[in-house]
Amino acid sequence: MTVSSRGIERRVDKRLELSLPITLLNQEVKSKNISPGGVYFEVTADNIEEYSLGKTTMIRIVTSVSTPGLPSKIVELTGIGMIIRIDKIDARYKGKRFGVALKFSEMK
């Protein structure tokens, strides 16, 4: 654990602030950050029950990676994750906005 300006950092893995396309629960979302252990993203949902704590769900992340001098490649990660945190972001509009933390339990 490290200490930051916001207090004690409890995260096990370092996060990368990346916006990657994610498919889960038949919804397309973008990641806010990702680590070897999980991903954080925002969703707009009328029914937050779909994203209840402890729920496991299939997840698919697709991105393009490139190395200088080599052609870019499409990388696809699929697996299962468990929802470990839900943050209420904005409820002023139709469809409520939530932040969701998902811990990877199995990825390929």
Protein backbone atom coordinates (compact mmCIF):
# COMPACT_ATOMS: atom_id res chain seq x y z
CA MET A 1 0.00 0.00 0.00
CA THR A 2 1.09 3.52 -0.73
CA VAL A 3 -0.12 6.82 0.63
CA SER A 4 -1.45 9.40 -1.84
CA SER A 5 -3.09 12.79 -1.46
CA ARG A 6 -6.43 10.96 -1.26
CA GLY A 7 -5.30 8.65 1.56
CA ILE A 8 -4.05 5.08 1.61
CA GLU A 9 -3.95 3.38 -1.78
CA ARG A 10 -5.49 -0.08 -1.34
CA ARG A 11 -5.26 -1.26 -4.92
CA VAL A 12 -3.18 -4.35 -5.52
CA ASP A 13 -2.49 -3.62 -9.21
CA LYS A 14 -1.41 -0.39 -10.90
CA ARG A 15 -4.12 1.10 -13.14
CA LEU A 16 -3.72 2.32 -16.71
CA GLU A 17 -6.05 5.16 -17.69
CA LEU A 18 -7.24 3.63 -20.98
CA SER A 19 -10.52 3.97 -22.82
CA LEU A 20 -11.07 0.55 -24.38
CA PRO A 21 -14.30 -0.81 -25.87
CA ILE A 22 -15.95 -3.38 -23.59
CA THR A 23 -18.94 -5.62 -24.27
CA LEU A 24 -20.88 -7.04 -21.33
CA LEU A 25 -24.53 -7.77 -20.63
CA ASN A 26 -25.22 -7.00 -24.30
CA GLN A 27 -24.09 -3.42 -23.76
CA GLU A 28 -21.13 -1.58 -25.26
CA VAL A 29 -19.20 0.61 -22.80
CA LYS A 30 -15.72 2.16 -22.58
CA SER A 31 -13.23 1.50 -19.82
CA LYS A 32 -12.04 4.36 -17.63
CA ASN A 33 -9.07 2.38 -16.35
CA ILE A 34 -7.80 -1.17 -16.45
CA SER A 35 -5.29 -3.30 -14.57
CA PRO A 36 -4.20 -6.94 -14.61
CA GLY A 37 -6.82 -7.59 -11.92
CA GLY A 38 -9.86 -5.75 -13.26
CA VAL A 39 -11.49 -2.88 -15.08
CA TYR A 40 -13.53 0.22 -14.15
CA PHE A 41 -16.16 1.57 -16.54
CA GLU A 42 -19.28 3.73 -16.56
CA VAL A 43 -22.75 2.64 -17.65
CA THR A 44 -26.13 4.26 -18.12
CA ALA A 45 -28.86 1.95 -16.92
CA ASP A 46 -32.48 2.24 -15.85
CA ASN A 47 -32.13 -1.06 -14.01
CA ILE A 48 -28.94 -1.19 -11.93
CA GLU A 49 -29.92 -4.70 -10.81
CA GLU A 50 -28.07 -5.92 -13.91
CA TYR A 51 -24.91 -4.63 -12.24
CA SER A 52 -25.51 -5.81 -8.67
CA LEU A 53 -22.60 -6.45 -6.30
CA GLY A 54 -21.22 -9.97 -6.51
CA LYS A 55 -22.76 -10.65 -9.92
CA THR A 56 -20.53 -12.50 -12.36
CA THR A 57 -20.72 -11.69 -16.04
CA MET A 58 -19.02 -12.41 -19.33
CA ILE A 59 -16.75 -9.61 -20.55
CA ARG A 60 -15.08 -8.93 -23.89
CA ILE A 61 -12.41 -6.28 -24.50
CA VAL A 62 -11.09 -5.61 -28.02
CA THR A 63 -8.26 -3.23 -28.84
CA SER A 64 -5.59 -2.60 -31.44
CA VAL A 65 -1.93 -2.69 -30.43
CA SER A 66 1.04 -1.55 -32.44
CA THR A 67 4.79 -1.85 -32.24
CA PRO A 68 7.00 0.53 -34.24
CA GLY A 69 8.02 -1.14 -37.49
CA LEU A 70 5.39 -3.88 -37.28
CA PRO A 71 1.78 -3.99 -38.47
CA SER A 72 -0.84 -3.33 -35.79
CA LYS A 73 -2.73 -6.29 -34.36
CA ILE A 74 -6.22 -6.67 -32.95
CA VAL A 75 -6.17 -8.15 -29.45
CA GLU A 76 -9.33 -9.66 -27.97
CA LEU A 77 -9.66 -10.61 -24.31
CA THR A 78 -12.70 -12.57 -23.19
CA GLY A 79 -13.56 -13.98 -19.83
CA ILE A 80 -15.58 -13.71 -16.67
CA GLY A 81 -15.54 -11.01 -14.03
CA MET A 82 -17.29 -10.22 -10.77
CA ILE A 83 -18.75 -6.81 -9.91
CA ILE A 84 -17.08 -5.61 -6.71
CA ARG A 85 -18.12 -1.94 -6.53
CA ILE A 86 -20.81 0.40 -7.89
CA ASP A 87 -20.50 4.20 -7.74
CA LYS A 88 -23.50 6.46 -8.37
CA ILE A 89 -22.31 9.17 -10.79
CA ASP A 90 -25.32 11.07 -12.11
CA ALA A 91 -29.03 10.48 -11.67
CA ARG A 92 -30.37 13.74 -13.13
CA TYR A 93 -31.17 12.33 -16.55
CA LYS A 94 -33.26 9.48 -17.87
CA GLY A 95 -31.18 6.42 -17.27
CA LYS A 96 -28.91 6.60 -14.28
CA ARG A 97 -25.13 6.80 -14.66
CA PHE A 98 -22.99 4.45 -12.58
CA GLY A 99 -19.32 3.57 -12.28
CA VAL A 100 -18.71 -0.17 -12.06
CA ALA A 101 -15.57 -1.95 -10.82
CA LEU A 102 -15.24 -5.47 -12.18
CA LYS A 103 -12.61 -7.92 -10.93
CA PHE A 104 -11.37 -10.44 -13.49
CA SER A 105 -11.85 -14.03 -12.38
CA GLU A 106 -11.01 -15.76 -15.66
CA MET A 107 -9.55 -14.20 -18.82
CA LYS A 108 -8.31 -15.63 -22.14
